[in-house]
C-alpha atoms as a PDB file:
ATOM      1  CA  MET A   1     -25.531  -1.342 -21.170  1.00  0.00           C
ATOM      2  CA  PRO A   2     -27.408  -3.643 -18.587  1.00  0.00           C
ATOM      3  CA  GLY A   3     -31.027  -3.818 -18.942  1.00  0.00           C
ATOM      4  CA  ASN A   4     -33.358  -1.530 -17.020  1.00  0.00           C
ATOM      5  CA  MET A   5     -30.687   1.088 -17.151  1.00  0.00           C
ATOM      6  CA  PRO A   6     -31.946   4.648 -16.835  1.00  0.00           C
ATOM      7  CA  LYS A   7     -30.348   6.991 -19.490  1.00  0.00           C
ATOM      8  CA  GLN A   8     -28.693   9.112 -17.014  1.00  0.00           C
ATOM      9  CA  LEU A   9     -27.101   7.144 -14.206  1.00  0.00           C
ATOM     10  CA  LYS A  10     -27.010   8.988 -10.770  1.00  0.00           C
ATOM     11  CA  GLY A  11     -23.497   8.477  -9.236  1.00  0.00           C
ATOM     12  CA  VAL A  12     -21.899   9.492  -5.903  1.00  0.00           C
ATOM     13  CA  PHE A  13     -18.243   9.451  -4.911  1.00  0.00           C
ATOM     14  CA  LEU A  14     -18.088   9.296  -1.062  1.00  0.00           C
ATOM     15  CA  ASP A  15     -14.469  10.159  -0.469  1.00  0.00           C
ATOM     16  CA  SER A  16     -12.726  11.843  -2.975  1.00  0.00           C
ATOM     17  CA  SER A  17     -10.125  13.451  -0.776  1.00  0.00           C
ATOM     18  CA  THR A  18      -8.597  10.390  -0.144  1.00  0.00           C
ATOM     19  CA  LEU A  19      -7.181  10.419  -3.397  1.00  0.00           C
ATOM     20  CA  ASP A  20      -7.073  14.179  -4.600  1.00  0.00           C
ATOM     21  CA  ILE A  21      -5.275  17.211  -3.196  1.00  0.00           C
ATOM     22  CA  ASP A  22      -6.730  19.608  -6.340  1.00  0.00           C
ATOM     23  CA  ASP A  23      -4.054  17.776  -8.388  1.00  0.00           C
ATOM     24  CA  VAL A  24      -6.272  15.094  -9.875  1.00  0.00           C
ATOM     25  CA  ASN A  25      -8.445  15.496 -13.410  1.00  0.00           C
ATOM     26  CA  PHE A  26     -11.805  14.186 -13.197  1.00  0.00           C
ATOM     27  CA  THR A  27     -12.924  14.552 -16.660  1.00  0.00           C
ATOM     28  CA  ALA A  28     -12.776  10.975 -17.665  1.00  0.00           C
ATOM     29  CA  LEU A  29     -14.687   9.948 -14.526  1.00  0.00           C
ATOM     30  CA  LYS A  30     -17.179  12.937 -15.239  1.00  0.00           C
ATOM     31  CA  SER A  31     -17.790  12.071 -19.026  1.00  0.00           C
ATOM     32  CA  VAL A  32     -18.950   8.306 -18.063  1.00  0.00           C
ATOM     33  CA  LEU A  33     -20.847   9.425 -15.126  1.00  0.00           C
ATOM     34  CA  PRO A  34     -22.344  13.080 -15.716  1.00  0.00           C
ATOM     35  CA  GLY A  35     -23.724  14.666 -12.939  1.00  0.00           C
ATOM     36  CA  CYS A  36     -21.710  12.695 -10.210  1.00  0.00           C
ATOM     37  CA  LYS A  37     -21.717  14.101  -6.750  1.00  0.00           C
ATOM     38  CA  PHE A  38     -18.603  14.453  -5.421  1.00  0.00           C
ATOM     39  CA  TYR A  39     -17.871  14.177  -1.445  1.00  0.00           C
ATOM     40  CA  LYS A  40     -14.586  15.029  -0.072  1.00  0.00           C
ATOM     41  CA  GLU A  41     -15.336  12.814   3.032  1.00  0.00           C
ATOM     42  CA  THR A  42     -18.248  11.175   3.985  1.00  0.00           C
ATOM     43  CA  LEU A  43     -19.129   9.897   7.880  1.00  0.00           C
ATOM     44  CA  PRO A  44     -20.859   6.531   8.409  1.00  0.00           C
ATOM     45  CA  THR A  45     -23.930   8.361   9.434  1.00  0.00           C
ATOM     46  CA  GLN A  46     -24.083   9.929   5.899  1.00  0.00           C
ATOM     47  CA  VAL A  47     -23.822   7.070   3.599  1.00  0.00           C
ATOM     48  CA  GLY A  48     -27.154   6.027   3.519  1.00  0.00           C
ATOM     49  CA  GLU A  49     -28.565   9.289   3.006  1.00  0.00           C
ATOM     50  CA  ARG A  50     -25.878  10.204  -0.010  1.00  0.00           C
ATOM     51  CA  ILE A  51     -26.462   7.121  -1.912  1.00  0.00           C
ATOM     52  CA  VAL A  52     -30.181   6.485  -1.403  1.00  0.00           C
ATOM     53  CA  ASP A  53     -31.022   7.076  -5.029  1.00  0.00           C
ATOM     54  CA  ALA A  54     -27.642   6.599  -6.702  1.00  0.00           C
ATOM     55  CA  ASP A  55     -27.018   3.957  -9.262  1.00  0.00           C
ATOM     56  CA  VAL A  56     -23.152   4.015  -9.068  1.00  0.00           C
ATOM     57  CA  VAL A  57     -21.477   4.338  -5.594  1.00  0.00           C
ATOM     58  CA  ILE A  58     -17.599   5.224  -5.728  1.00  0.00           C
ATOM     59  CA  SER A  59     -15.842   4.458  -2.544  1.00  0.00           C
ATOM     60  CA  ASN A  60     -12.226   4.367  -1.482  1.00  0.00           C
ATOM     61  CA  LYS A  61     -12.560   3.715   2.131  1.00  0.00           C
ATOM     62  CA  VAL A  62     -15.985   4.254   3.180  1.00  0.00           C
ATOM     63  CA  VAL A  63     -17.851   1.087   4.339  1.00  0.00           C
ATOM     64  CA  LEU A  64     -20.602  -0.075   2.503  1.00  0.00           C
ATOM     65  CA  ASP A  65     -22.047  -2.676   4.528  1.00  0.00           C
ATOM     66  CA  GLU A  66     -25.303  -4.943   4.003  1.00  0.00           C
ATOM     67  CA  ASN A  67     -27.683  -2.519   5.920  1.00  0.00           C
ATOM     68  CA  ILE A  68     -26.247   0.297   3.733  1.00  0.00           C
ATOM     69  CA  ILE A  69     -26.646  -1.791   0.711  1.00  0.00           C
ATOM     70  CA  THR A  70     -29.911  -3.351   1.086  1.00  0.00           C
ATOM     71  CA  GLN A  71     -31.352  -0.019   1.615  1.00  0.00           C
ATOM     72  CA  ALA A  72     -30.010   1.536  -1.762  1.00  0.00           C
ATOM     73  CA  SER A  73     -32.703   0.138  -3.736  1.00  0.00           C
ATOM     74  CA  ASN A  74     -31.502   1.683  -7.033  1.00  0.00           C
ATOM     75  CA  LEU A  75     -27.613   0.563  -6.666  1.00  0.00           C
ATOM     76  CA  LYS A  76     -26.556  -1.154  -9.467  1.00  0.00           C
ATOM     77  CA  LEU A  77     -22.533  -0.898  -9.346  1.00  0.00           C
ATOM     78  CA  ILE A  78     -19.972   0.005  -6.568  1.00  0.00           C
ATOM     79  CA  CYS A  79     -16.498   1.387  -7.680  1.00  0.00           C
ATOM     80  CA  VAL A  80     -14.159   0.492  -5.143  1.00  0.00           C
ATOM     81  CA  ALA A  81     -11.420   3.305  -5.801  1.00  0.00           C
ATOM     82  CA  ALA A  82      -8.675   0.968  -4.719  1.00  0.00           C
ATOM     83  CA  THR A  83      -7.568  -2.748  -4.982  1.00  0.00           C
ATOM     84  CA  GLY A  84      -8.698  -4.251  -1.878  1.00  0.00           C
ATOM     85  CA  VAL A  85     -12.492  -4.417  -1.273  1.00  0.00           C
ATOM     86  CA  ASN A  86     -12.827  -5.102   2.458  1.00  0.00           C
ATOM     87  CA  ASN A  87     -14.830  -2.166   2.912  1.00  0.00           C
ATOM     88  CA  VAL A  88     -17.873  -3.461   1.000  1.00  0.00           C
ATOM     89  CA  ASP A  89     -19.944  -6.618   2.038  1.00  0.00           C
ATOM     90  CA  LEU A  90     -19.548  -8.581  -1.208  1.00  0.00           C
ATOM     91  CA  ILE A  91     -22.425 -11.161  -0.309  1.00  0.00           C
ATOM     92  CA  ALA A  92     -24.937  -8.227   0.263  1.00  0.00           C
ATOM     93  CA  ALA A  93     -24.096  -6.738  -2.998  1.00  0.00           C
ATOM     94  CA  GLN A  94     -24.402 -10.039  -4.846  1.00  0.00           C
ATOM     95  CA  ASN A  95     -27.521 -10.696  -3.194  1.00  0.00           C
ATOM     96  CA  GLN A  96     -29.049  -7.559  -4.323  1.00  0.00           C
ATOM     97  CA  ASN A  97     -27.516  -8.153  -8.047  1.00  0.00           C
ATOM     98  CA  ILE A  98     -25.333  -5.043  -7.517  1.00  0.00           C
ATOM     99  CA  ALA A  99     -21.480  -5.421  -9.259  1.00  0.00           C
ATOM    100  CA  VAL A 100     -18.784  -4.649  -7.568  1.00  0.00           C
ATOM    101  CA  CYS A 101     -15.183  -3.815  -9.311  1.00  0.00           C
ATOM    102  CA  ASN A 102     -12.031  -2.434  -8.215  1.00  0.00           C
ATOM    103  CA  VAL A 103      -8.627  -1.329  -9.747  1.00  0.00           C
ATOM    104  CA  THR A 104      -5.426  -3.107  -9.928  1.00  0.00           C
ATOM    105  CA  ALA A 105      -1.725  -2.236 -10.665  1.00  0.00           C
ATOM    106  CA  TYR A 106      -2.390   1.458 -10.626  1.00  0.00           C
ATOM    107  CA  ALA A 107       0.261   2.194  -8.026  1.00  0.00           C
ATOM    108  CA  THR A 108       3.003  -0.402  -8.705  1.00  0.00           C
ATOM    109  CA  SER A 109       5.859   2.030 -10.104  1.00  0.00           C
ATOM    110  CA  SER A 110       4.779   4.475  -6.837  1.00  0.00           C
ATOM    111  CA  VAL A 111       4.971   1.589  -4.195  1.00  0.00           C
ATOM    112  CA  SER A 112       8.212   0.287  -5.756  1.00  0.00           C
ATOM    113  CA  GLN A 113       9.741   3.875  -6.062  1.00  0.00           C
ATOM    114  CA  HIS A 114       8.877   4.329  -2.574  1.00  0.00           C
ATOM    115  CA  VAL A 115      10.373   1.236  -1.165  1.00  0.00           C
ATOM    116  CA  PHE A 116      13.738   2.112  -2.828  1.00  0.00           C
ATOM    117  CA  SER A 117      13.528   5.759  -1.487  1.00  0.00           C
ATOM    118  CA  LEU A 118      13.257   4.167   1.861  1.00  0.00           C
ATOM    119  CA  ILE A 119      16.180   1.851   1.326  1.00  0.00           C
ATOM    120  CA  LEU A 120      18.207   4.381  -0.034  1.00  0.00           C
ATOM    121  CA  SER A 121      17.805   6.866   2.796  1.00  0.00           C
ATOM    122  CA  LEU A 122      18.697   4.360   5.293  1.00  0.00           C
ATOM    123  CA  SER A 123      21.773   2.824   3.443  1.00  0.00           C
ATOM    124  CA  ARG A 124      22.903   6.360   2.462  1.00  0.00           C
ATOM    125  CA  ARG A 125      22.201   7.592   6.129  1.00  0.00           C
ATOM    126  CA  LEU A 126      20.347  10.750   5.085  1.00  0.00           C
ATOM    127  CA  ASN A 127      18.436  11.428   8.102  1.00  0.00           C
ATOM    128  CA  GLU A 128      21.710  11.763   9.740  1.00  0.00           C
ATOM    129  CA  TYR A 129      23.626  13.551   7.459  1.00  0.00           C
ATOM    130  CA  GLN A 130      20.677  16.278   7.030  1.00  0.00           C
ATOM    131  CA  LYS A 131      20.892  16.478  10.994  1.00  0.00           C
ATOM    132  CA  SER A 132      24.633  16.750  10.824  1.00  0.00           C
ATOM    133  CA  ILE A 133      24.367  19.618   8.178  1.00  0.00           C
ATOM    134  CA  ARG A 134      21.730  21.555   9.982  1.00  0.00           C
ATOM    135  CA  SER A 135      24.007  21.560  13.221  1.00  0.00           C
ATOM    136  CA  GLY A 136      27.114  22.855  11.223  1.00  0.00           C
ATOM    137  CA  ASP A 137      29.098  19.588  11.433  1.00  0.00           C
ATOM    138  CA  TRP A 138      29.998  20.033   7.722  1.00  0.00           C
ATOM    139  CA  GLN A 139      30.911  23.740   7.827  1.00  0.00           C
ATOM    140  CA  ARG A 140      33.453  23.163  10.932  1.00  0.00           C
ATOM    141  CA  CYS A 141      34.853  19.976   9.560  1.00  0.00           C
ATOM    142  CA  GLY A 142      37.760  21.250   7.740  1.00  0.00           C
ATOM    143  CA  GLN A 143      37.729  19.343   4.549  1.00  0.00           C
ATOM    144  CA  PHE A 144      35.645  18.799   1.370  1.00  0.00           C
ATOM    145  CA  CYS A 145      33.540  16.128   2.810  1.00  0.00           C
ATOM    146  CA  LEU A 146      31.844  14.954   5.947  1.00  0.00           C
ATOM    147  CA  LEU A 147      32.720  11.374   6.698  1.00  0.00           C
ATOM    148  CA  GLN A 148      30.763  11.012   9.797  1.00  0.00           C
ATOM    149  CA  HIS A 149      28.446   8.330   9.094  1.00  0.00           C
ATOM    150  CA  SER A 150      29.355   5.073   7.216  1.00  0.00           C
ATOM    151  CA  ILE A 151      27.252   4.261   4.043  1.00  0.00           C
ATOM    152  CA  GLU A 152      26.531   1.313   2.000  1.00  0.00           C
ATOM    153  CA  ASP A 153      26.136   0.549  -1.558  1.00  0.00           C
ATOM    154  CA  LEU A 154      23.205  -1.796  -2.687  1.00  0.00           C
ATOM    155  CA  THR A 155      25.352  -3.707  -5.220  1.00  0.00           C
ATOM    156  CA  GLY A 156      26.082  -7.131  -4.174  1.00  0.00           C
ATOM    157  CA  LYS A 157      23.511  -6.813  -1.560  1.00  0.00           C
ATOM    158  CA  THR A 158      20.708  -9.341  -1.008  1.00  0.00           C
ATOM    159  CA  ILE A 159      16.923  -8.238  -0.874  1.00  0.00           C
ATOM    160  CA  GLY A 160      14.324 -10.610   0.494  1.00  0.00           C
ATOM    161  CA  ILE A 161      10.910 -10.152  -0.786  1.00  0.00           C
ATOM    162  CA  VAL A 162       7.588 -11.551   0.876  1.00  0.00           C
ATOM    163  CA  GLY A 163       4.785 -11.575  -1.342  1.00  0.00           C
ATOM    164  CA  TYR A 164       5.863 -11.987  -5.015  1.00  0.00           C
ATOM    165  CA  GLY A 165       2.947 -10.411  -6.705  1.00  0.00           C
ATOM    166  CA  GLU A 166       2.649  -7.207  -8.834  1.00  0.00           C
ATOM    167  CA  LEU A 167       4.605  -5.327  -6.345  1.00  0.00           C
ATOM    168  CA  GLY A 168       6.929  -7.518  -5.249  1.00  0.00           C
ATOM    169  CA  MET A 169       7.924  -8.260  -8.978  1.00  0.00           C
ATOM    170  CA  ALA A 170       8.425  -4.646  -9.423  1.00  0.00           C
ATOM    171  CA  VAL A 171      10.692  -4.353  -6.420  1.00  0.00           C
ATOM    172  CA  ALA A 172      12.368  -7.524  -7.602  1.00  0.00           C
ATOM    173  CA  LYS A 173      13.184  -5.745 -10.881  1.00  0.00           C
ATOM    174  CA  ILE A 174      14.349  -2.450  -9.464  1.00  0.00           C
ATOM    175  CA  ALA A 175      16.632  -4.421  -7.152  1.00  0.00           C
ATOM    176  CA  GLN A 176      18.279  -6.232  -9.982  1.00  0.00           C
ATOM    177  CA  ALA A 177      19.114  -3.282 -11.653  1.00  0.00           C
ATOM    178  CA  PHE A 178      21.064  -2.045  -8.296  1.00  0.00           C
ATOM    179  CA  GLY A 179      22.766  -5.213  -8.704  1.00  0.00           C
ATOM    180  CA  MET A 180      20.940  -6.900  -5.927  1.00  0.00           C
ATOM    181  CA  LYS A 181      20.339 -10.531  -5.306  1.00  0.00           C
ATOM    182  CA  VAL A 182      16.788 -11.377  -5.274  1.00  0.00           C
ATOM    183  CA  LEU A 183      15.537 -14.032  -2.759  1.00  0.00           C
ATOM    184  CA  ILE A 184      11.909 -14.892  -2.839  1.00  0.00           C
ATOM    185  CA  ALA A 185      10.067 -16.118   0.425  1.00  0.00           C
ATOM    186  CA  GLU A 186       7.438 -19.088   0.042  1.00  0.00           C
ATOM    187  CA  ARG A 187       3.727 -18.201  -0.177  1.00  0.00           C
ATOM    188  CA  ILE A 188       2.550 -17.690   3.351  1.00  0.00           C
ATOM    189  CA  GLY A 189       0.597 -20.806   4.722  1.00  0.00           C
ATOM    190  CA  THR A 190       1.558 -23.084   1.676  1.00  0.00           C
ATOM    191  CA  GLY A 191       4.586 -24.684   3.261  1.00  0.00           C
ATOM    192  CA  ARG A 192       5.781 -25.064  -0.619  1.00  0.00           C
ATOM    193  CA  ALA A 193       9.302 -23.578  -1.677  1.00  0.00           C
ATOM    194  CA  ASP A 194       8.705 -24.353  -5.462  1.00  0.00           C
ATOM    195  CA  SER A 195       5.553 -23.380  -7.292  1.00  0.00           C
ATOM    196  CA  GLU A 196       3.760 -23.837 -10.256  1.00  0.00           C
ATOM    197  CA  ASP A 197       5.348 -20.938 -12.000  1.00  0.00           C
ATOM    198  CA  ASP A 198       8.613 -22.116 -11.814  1.00  0.00           C
ATOM    199  CA  ILE A 199       9.764 -19.292  -9.233  1.00  0.00           C
ATOM    200  CA  VAL A 200      12.288 -20.569  -6.392  1.00  0.00           C
ATOM    201  CA  ARG A 201      10.580 -19.972  -3.033  1.00  0.00           C
ATOM    202  CA  ILE A 202      12.310 -20.471   0.350  1.00  0.00           C
ATOM    203  CA  PRO A 203      10.964 -20.704   3.460  1.00  0.00           C
ATOM    204  CA  LEU A 204      10.793 -17.431   5.635  1.00  0.00           C
ATOM    205  CA  ASN A 205      12.920 -18.903   8.253  1.00  0.00           C
ATOM    206  CA  GLU A 206      15.665 -19.631   5.885  1.00  0.00           C
ATOM    207  CA  LEU A 207      15.326 -16.335   3.979  1.00  0.00           C
ATOM    208  CA  LEU A 208      15.674 -14.101   6.822  1.00  0.00           C
ATOM    209  CA  PRO A 209      19.376 -14.635   7.821  1.00  0.00           C
ATOM    210  CA  LYS A 210      20.498 -14.214   4.490  1.00  0.00           C
ATOM    211  CA  VAL A 211      19.019 -10.884   3.602  1.00  0.00           C
ATOM    212  CA  ASP A 212      20.513  -7.186   3.708  1.00  0.00           C
ATOM    213  CA  VAL A 213      16.821  -5.749   3.249  1.00  0.00           C
ATOM    214  CA  LEU A 214      13.609  -7.488   3.788  1.00  0.00           C
ATOM    215  CA  SER A 215      10.748  -5.841   2.012  1.00  0.00           C
ATOM    216  CA  LEU A 216       7.200  -6.850   2.600  1.00  0.00           C
ATOM    217  CA  HIS A 217       4.414  -7.035  -0.097  1.00  0.00           C
ATOM    218  CA  CYS A 218       1.898  -9.493   1.275  1.00  0.00           C
ATOM    219  CA  PRO A 219      -1.634  -9.194   2.172  1.00  0.00           C
ATOM    220  CA  LEU A 220      -2.882  -8.873   5.804  1.00  0.00           C
ATOM    221  CA  ASN A 221      -4.471 -12.073   6.786  1.00  0.00           C
ATOM    222  CA  GLU A 222      -4.846 -14.598   9.398  1.00  0.00           C
ATOM    223  CA  GLN A 223      -1.635 -16.030   8.157  1.00  0.00           C
ATOM    224  CA  THR A 224       0.464 -12.891   8.203  1.00  0.00           C
ATOM    225  CA  GLN A 225      -0.999 -10.679  11.075  1.00  0.00           C
ATOM    226  CA  GLY A 226       2.373 -10.508  13.097  1.00  0.00           C
ATOM    227  CA  LEU A 227       4.250 -12.291  10.705  1.00  0.00           C
ATOM    228  CA  ILE A 228       7.346 -10.440  11.598  1.00  0.00           C
ATOM    229  CA  GLY A 229       7.986 -10.421  15.363  1.00  0.00           C
ATOM    230  CA  GLU A 230      10.736 -10.640  17.818  1.00  0.00           C
ATOM    231  CA  ALA A 231      11.697 -13.993  16.602  1.00  0.00           C
ATOM    232  CA  GLU A 232      11.757 -13.265  12.981  1.00  0.00           C
ATOM    233  CA  ILE A 233      13.755  -9.939  13.380  1.00  0.00           C
ATOM    234  CA  ALA A 234      16.259 -11.765  15.561  1.00  0.00           C
ATOM    235  CA  CYS A 235      16.970 -14.034  12.789  1.00  0.00           C
ATOM    236  CA  MET A 236      17.929 -11.104  10.656  1.00  0.00           C
ATOM    237  CA  LYS A 237      21.605  -9.718  10.267  1.00  0.00           C
ATOM    238  CA  PRO A 238      22.249  -7.038  12.343  1.00  0.00           C
ATOM    239  CA  SER A 239      23.100  -4.899   9.416  1.00  0.00           C
ATOM    240  CA  ALA A 240      19.762  -5.332   7.632  1.00  0.00           C
ATOM    241  CA  PHE A 241      16.828  -3.240   6.959  1.00  0.00           C
ATOM    242  CA  LEU A 242      13.146  -3.914   7.450  1.00  0.00           C
ATOM    243  CA  ILE A 243      10.827  -2.261   4.804  1.00  0.00           C
ATOM    244  CA  ASN A 244       6.865  -2.567   5.320  1.00  0.00           C
ATOM    245  CA  THR A 245       4.769  -0.722   2.513  1.00  0.00           C
ATOM    246  CA  ALA A 246       2.337  -3.440   2.774  1.00  0.00           C
ATOM    247  CA  ARG A 247       0.109  -3.411   6.072  1.00  0.00           C
ATOM    248  CA  GLY A 248       0.817  -2.329   9.726  1.00  0.00           C
ATOM    249  CA  GLY A 249      -0.046  -5.465  11.230  1.00  0.00           C
ATOM    250  CA  ILE A 250       2.003  -7.632   9.627  1.00  0.00           C
ATOM    251  CA  VAL A 251       4.939  -6.290  11.643  1.00  0.00           C
ATOM    252  CA  ASP A 252       4.853  -6.279  15.312  1.00  0.00           C
ATOM    253  CA  GLU A 253       5.753  -2.588  16.138  1.00  0.00           C
ATOM    254  CA  GLN A 254       7.034  -2.963  19.630  1.00  0.00           C
ATOM    255  CA  ALA A 255       8.984  -5.922  18.607  1.00  0.00           C
ATOM    256  CA  LEU A 256      10.337  -3.632  15.945  1.00  0.00           C
ATOM    257  CA  ILE A 257      11.367  -0.583  18.397  1.00  0.00           C
ATOM    258  CA  ASN A 258      13.121  -3.479  20.632  1.00  0.00           C
ATOM    259  CA  ALA A 259      15.159  -4.428  17.922  1.00  0.00           C
ATOM    260  CA  LEU A 260      16.254  -0.974  16.840  1.00  0.00           C
ATOM    261  CA  LEU A 261      16.840  -0.142  20.595  1.00  0.00           C
ATOM    262  CA  LYS A 262      19.130  -3.152  20.684  1.00  0.00           C
ATOM    263  CA  ASN A 263      20.705  -2.660  17.341  1.00  0.00           C
ATOM    264  CA  THR A 264      19.497  -6.354  16.290  1.00  0.00           C
ATOM    265  CA  ILE A 265      18.612  -4.754  12.662  1.00  0.00           C
ATOM    266  CA  ALA A 266      20.132  -1.559  11.269  1.00  0.00           C
ATOM    267  CA  GLY A 267      16.948   0.236  10.399  1.00  0.00           C
ATOM    268  CA  ALA A 268      13.737   0.257   9.212  1.00  0.00           C
ATOM    269  CA  GLY A 269      11.594   1.902   6.711  1.00  0.00           C
ATOM    270  CA  ILE A 270       7.748   1.790   7.578  1.00  0.00           C
ATOM    271  CA  ASP A 271       4.812   3.322   5.273  1.00  0.00           C
ATOM    272  CA  VAL A 272       1.725   1.432   7.091  1.00  0.00           C
ATOM    273  CA  LEU A 273       0.918   1.495  10.742  1.00  0.00           C
ATOM    274  CA  VAL A 274      -1.751  -0.917  12.806  1.00  0.00           C
ATOM    275  CA  GLU A 275      -4.226   2.142  13.187  1.00  0.00           C
ATOM    276  CA  GLU A 276      -4.499   4.453  10.386  1.00  0.00           C
ATOM    277  CA  PRO A 277      -4.778   7.480  10.856  1.00  0.00           C
ATOM    278  CA  PRO A 278      -2.731   6.739  14.376  1.00  0.00           C
ATOM    279  CA  VAL A 279      -5.324   8.848  16.636  1.00  0.00           C
ATOM    280  CA  ASN A 280      -4.467   6.632  19.389  1.00  0.00           C
ATOM    281  CA  GLY A 281      -0.851   7.386  19.381  1.00  0.00           C
ATOM    282  CA  ASN A 282       1.633   4.571  18.040  1.00  0.00           C
ATOM    283  CA  PRO A 283       5.019   3.422  19.478  1.00  0.00           C
ATOM    284  CA  LEU A 284       6.688   3.867  16.072  1.00  0.00           C
ATOM    285  CA  LEU A 285       5.710   7.656  16.285  1.00  0.00           C
ATOM    286  CA  GLU A 286       6.985   8.198  19.852  1.00  0.00           C
ATOM    287  CA  VAL A 287      10.475   7.554  19.424  1.00  0.00           C
ATOM    288  CA  ASP A 288      13.426   9.414  17.586  1.00  0.00           C
ATOM    289  CA  PHE A 289      15.801   7.044  15.929  1.00  0.00           C
ATOM    290  CA  PRO A 290      17.770   8.332  12.990  1.00  0.00           C
ATOM    291  CA  ASN A 291      17.584   4.771  11.509  1.00  0.00           C
ATOM    292  CA  LEU A 292      13.762   4.531  11.506  1.00  0.00           C
ATOM    293  CA  MET A 293      11.939   6.088   8.717  1.00  0.00           C
ATOM    294  CA  VAL A 294       7.829   6.383   9.131  1.00  0.00           C
ATOM    295  CA  THR A 295       5.731   7.845   6.118  1.00  0.00           C
ATOM    296  CA  PRO A 296       1.996   8.505   6.257  1.00  0.00           C
ATOM    297  CA  HIS A 297       0.895   5.565   3.986  1.00  0.00           C
ATOM    298  CA  ILE A 298       1.813   7.565   0.875  1.00  0.00           C
ATOM    299  CA  ALA A 299       3.966   4.802  -0.939  1.00  0.00           C
ATOM    300  CA  TRP A 300       0.766   4.452  -3.451  1.00  0.00           C
ATOM    301  CA  SER A 301      -0.092   7.761  -3.763  1.00  0.00           C
ATOM    302  CA  SER A 302       2.077   9.573  -6.235  1.00  0.00           C
ATOM    303  CA  LYS A 303       0.348  12.112  -8.598  1.00  0.00           C
ATOM    304  CA  GLN A 304       0.462   9.650 -11.721  1.00  0.00           C
ATOM    305  CA  ALA A 305      -0.886   6.789  -9.534  1.00  0.00           C
ATOM    306  CA  ARG A 306      -3.841   8.672  -7.994  1.00  0.00           C
ATOM    307  CA  GLN A 307      -4.453   9.746 -11.764  1.00  0.00           C
ATOM    308  CA  ARG A 308      -4.412   6.081 -13.160  1.00  0.00           C
ATOM    309  CA  LEU A 309      -6.745   5.396 -10.412  1.00  0.00           C
ATOM    310  CA  VAL A 310      -9.349   7.751 -11.088  1.00  0.00           C
ATOM    311  CA  ASP A 311      -9.247   6.999 -14.976  1.00  0.00           C
ATOM    312  CA  GLU A 312      -9.251   3.108 -14.364  1.00  0.00           C
ATOM    313  CA  VAL A 313     -12.554   3.785 -12.274  1.00  0.00           C
ATOM    314  CA  ALA A 314     -13.866   5.567 -15.070  1.00  0.00           C
ATOM    315  CA  GLU A 315     -12.828   2.934 -17.570  1.00  0.00           C
ATOM    316  CA  ASN A 316     -14.559   0.397 -15.435  1.00  0.00           C
ATOM    317  CA  ILE A 317     -17.692   2.400 -15.206  1.00  0.00           C
ATOM    318  CA  ASN A 318     -17.595   2.660 -19.067  1.00  0.00           C
ATOM    319  CA  ALA A 319     -17.081  -0.997 -19.516  1.00  0.00           C
ATOM    320  CA  TRP A 320     -20.255  -1.874 -17.156  1.00  0.00           C
ATOM    321  CA  LYS A 321     -22.280   0.205 -18.937  1.00  0.00           C
ATOM    322  CA  LYS A 322     -21.564  -1.353 -22.310  1.00  0.00           C
ATOM    323  CA  GLY A 323     -22.266  -4.767 -20.460  1.00  0.00           C
ATOM    324  CA  ILE A 324     -18.458  -5.697 -20.567  1.00  0.00           C
ATOM    325  CA  LYS A 325     -17.148  -7.253 -17.207  1.00  0.00           C
ATOM    326  CA  ARG A 326     -13.983  -5.344 -16.350  1.00  0.00           C
ATOM    327  CA  ASN A 327     -12.186  -5.716 -12.807  1.00  0.00           C
ATOM    328  CA  ILE A 328     -15.265  -7.227 -11.501  1.00  0.00           C
ATOM    329  CA  VAL A 329     -14.623  -8.641  -8.043  1.00  0.00           C
ATOM    330  CA  GLY A 330     -18.331  -9.416  -7.018  1.00  0.00           C
END
């Protein structure tokens, strides 16, 4: 345990409702941080008061900026219950000698399976067939099967992956199990087709016309903001699908709607929007296209993934108490 550490650490979880719907077991976390206070939600105006005497703070999305961090005189560890740590001022934490840790790879299976649930729903035209059944088309068709909409196998198709990290690799593995060919886009901003890890990557503009499915798994940054816009979509096959489970800002949402209207691409599966929640509306939510599936940022959120996330936070705290650096990012 780090020096000058109180025997009983005071802990606060600021936003447990972002990962729990009464189906997550917090036993491991409570065992390493007895007496931890759990708040389902914390407003920006409540953060300072709630962490004022805390040694350990756990946050998924609640922002911990310089002002908040410098006021929390007892704070020694910030646990981000997520992979991204953009909600924490890392420099301020470092200046205050506060460790910051995150959790990685907890949602790999959940995200990759969600990607293929979107792909399969689009390729098998599930939205349209469900609508047909509800309207009584099958009941009236006069034969054993309803052949209204042409469906496609994934076998022999090509998937293009932008962002070949933990998630991109998992998606590639599933794609290969379906008999798909996998193409990997070069790292955005590097201009390199080949890399030190011997994986062949090709420029995005060369990849786009070749793929039947484009799946995005890159971070949102200056290089990837608006990465897939009107010009990029126009390069894709009219029969191709666009899947985005990464970040909303990577895709130009209006350009996507225009492409679906003009049948420039065959469909899209979107799990992320520019603004979340979309309190100010969103063009993707204002259209009713059978070949557009929008889910509310749930690709990561299987029960098993959320349980792994909580258990990993507990492991991070336990390791830190023993003086072991585990998933420390700042």
